[in-house]
Amino acid sequence: MTLVQLKYAVTLEKVKNFALAAHELLIAQPTLSLQIQKLERSIGITIFDRTTNPISITNEGKEFLQQAR
């Protein structure tokens, strides 16, 4: 887990859209997706439910993001 990944996750939580978050972070959307996946693997939980539009945050993700902020 890196500080950059935490920043990406907090931004994604705020805008609830990968493309918009990537734009705000000035990175490519695939880069954001990959870093979020790496973060989720490293902590062993799913932070974001990608099946909804806009994306939603899992219960475990809410707890994690609260601590990340």
C-alpha atoms as a PDB file:
ATOM      1  CA  MET A   1       0.000   0.000   0.000  1.00  0.00           C
ATOM      2  CA  THR A   2       1.332   3.415  -0.953  1.00  0.00           C
ATOM      3  CA  LEU A   3       0.265   6.961  -0.191  1.00  0.00           C
ATOM      4  CA  VAL A   4      -0.444   7.437  -3.889  1.00  0.00           C
ATOM      5  CA  GLN A   5      -2.833   4.474  -3.880  1.00  0.00           C
ATOM      6  CA  LEU A   6      -4.594   5.910  -0.831  1.00  0.00           C
ATOM      7  CA  LYS A   7      -4.944   9.256  -2.595  1.00  0.00           C
ATOM      8  CA  TYR A   8      -6.393   7.497  -5.637  1.00  0.00           C
ATOM      9  CA  ALA A   9      -8.896   5.582  -3.497  1.00  0.00           C
ATOM     10  CA  VAL A  10     -10.049   8.682  -1.620  1.00  0.00           C
ATOM     11  CA  THR A  11     -10.501  10.590  -4.890  1.00  0.00           C
ATOM     12  CA  LEU A  12     -12.420   7.695  -6.418  1.00  0.00           C
ATOM     13  CA  GLU A  13     -14.649   7.580  -3.353  1.00  0.00           C
ATOM     14  CA  LYS A  14     -15.398  11.273  -3.840  1.00  0.00           C
ATOM     15  CA  VAL A  15     -16.342  11.185  -7.544  1.00  0.00           C
ATOM     16  CA  LYS A  16     -17.568   7.551  -7.788  1.00  0.00           C
ATOM     17  CA  ASN A  17     -16.409   7.219 -11.387  1.00  0.00           C
ATOM     18  CA  PHE A  18     -13.094   5.841 -12.628  1.00  0.00           C
ATOM     19  CA  ALA A  19     -12.858   8.106 -15.681  1.00  0.00           C
ATOM     20  CA  LEU A  20     -13.668  11.274 -13.739  1.00  0.00           C
ATOM     21  CA  ALA A  21     -11.308  10.350 -10.910  1.00  0.00           C
ATOM     22  CA  ALA A  22      -8.503   9.652 -13.374  1.00  0.00           C
ATOM     23  CA  HIS A  23      -9.127  13.011 -15.029  1.00  0.00           C
ATOM     24  CA  GLU A  24      -9.025  14.790 -11.666  1.00  0.00           C
ATOM     25  CA  LEU A  25      -5.822  12.959 -10.725  1.00  0.00           C
ATOM     26  CA  LEU A  26      -4.249  13.694 -14.129  1.00  0.00           C
ATOM     27  CA  ILE A  27      -3.595  10.009 -14.838  1.00  0.00           C
ATOM     28  CA  ALA A  28      -4.922   7.472 -17.339  1.00  0.00           C
ATOM     29  CA  GLN A  29      -8.011   5.499 -16.325  1.00  0.00           C
ATOM     30  CA  PRO A  30      -6.289   2.093 -16.765  1.00  0.00           C
ATOM     31  CA  THR A  31      -3.542   3.256 -14.391  1.00  0.00           C
ATOM     32  CA  LEU A  32      -6.130   4.176 -11.775  1.00  0.00           C
ATOM     33  CA  SER A  33      -7.923   0.844 -12.159  1.00  0.00           C
ATOM     34  CA  LEU A  34      -4.672  -1.100 -11.827  1.00  0.00           C
ATOM     35  CA  GLN A  35      -3.560   0.812  -8.726  1.00  0.00           C
ATOM     36  CA  ILE A  36      -6.947   0.332  -7.033  1.00  0.00           C
ATOM     37  CA  GLN A  37      -6.795  -3.402  -7.805  1.00  0.00           C
ATOM     38  CA  LYS A  38      -3.272  -3.590  -6.349  1.00  0.00           C
ATOM     39  CA  LEU A  39      -4.422  -1.731  -3.230  1.00  0.00           C
ATOM     40  CA  GLU A  40      -7.396  -4.055  -2.763  1.00  0.00           C
ATOM     41  CA  ARG A  41      -5.160  -7.125  -3.167  1.00  0.00           C
ATOM     42  CA  SER A  42      -2.603  -5.788  -0.696  1.00  0.00           C
ATOM     43  CA  ILE A  43      -5.187  -5.156   2.038  1.00  0.00           C
ATOM     44  CA  GLY A  44      -7.327  -8.194   1.248  1.00  0.00           C
ATOM     45  CA  ILE A  45     -10.690  -6.467   0.831  1.00  0.00           C
ATOM     46  CA  THR A  46     -12.814  -5.109  -1.991  1.00  0.00           C
ATOM     47  CA  ILE A  47     -13.188  -1.370  -1.505  1.00  0.00           C
ATOM     48  CA  PHE A  48     -15.368  -0.550  -4.508  1.00  0.00           C
ATOM     49  CA  ASP A  49     -18.330  -2.408  -6.007  1.00  0.00           C
ATOM     50  CA  ARG A  50     -17.751  -1.938  -9.714  1.00  0.00           C
ATOM     51  CA  THR A  51     -21.077  -3.541 -10.736  1.00  0.00           C
ATOM     52  CA  THR A  52     -23.071  -0.403  -9.954  1.00  0.00           C
ATOM     53  CA  ASN A  53     -23.101   2.877 -11.816  1.00  0.00           C
ATOM     54  CA  PRO A  54     -21.935   5.087 -10.210  1.00  0.00           C
ATOM     55  CA  ILE A  55     -19.631   2.733  -8.342  1.00  0.00           C
ATOM     56  CA  SER A  56     -20.472   2.123  -4.718  1.00  0.00           C
ATOM     57  CA  ILE A  57     -18.297   1.526  -1.699  1.00  0.00           C
ATOM     58  CA  THR A  58     -18.448  -1.749   0.204  1.00  0.00           C
ATOM     59  CA  ASN A  59     -18.928  -1.750   3.959  1.00  0.00           C
ATOM     60  CA  GLU A  60     -15.318  -2.833   4.431  1.00  0.00           C
ATOM     61  CA  GLY A  61     -14.295  -0.130   1.979  1.00  0.00           C
ATOM     62  CA  LYS A  62     -16.097   2.550   3.981  1.00  0.00           C
ATOM     63  CA  GLU A  63     -14.188   1.601   7.109  1.00  0.00           C
ATOM     64  CA  PHE A  64     -10.892   1.479   5.249  1.00  0.00           C
ATOM     65  CA  LEU A  65     -11.412   4.829   3.506  1.00  0.00           C
ATOM     66  CA  GLN A  66     -12.370   6.492   6.775  1.00  0.00           C
ATOM     67  CA  GLN A  67      -8.991   5.483   8.181  1.00  0.00           C
ATOM     68  CA  ALA A  68      -7.210   6.384   4.929  1.00  0.00           C
ATOM     69  CA  ARG A  69      -8.512   9.956   5.078  1.00  0.00           C
END
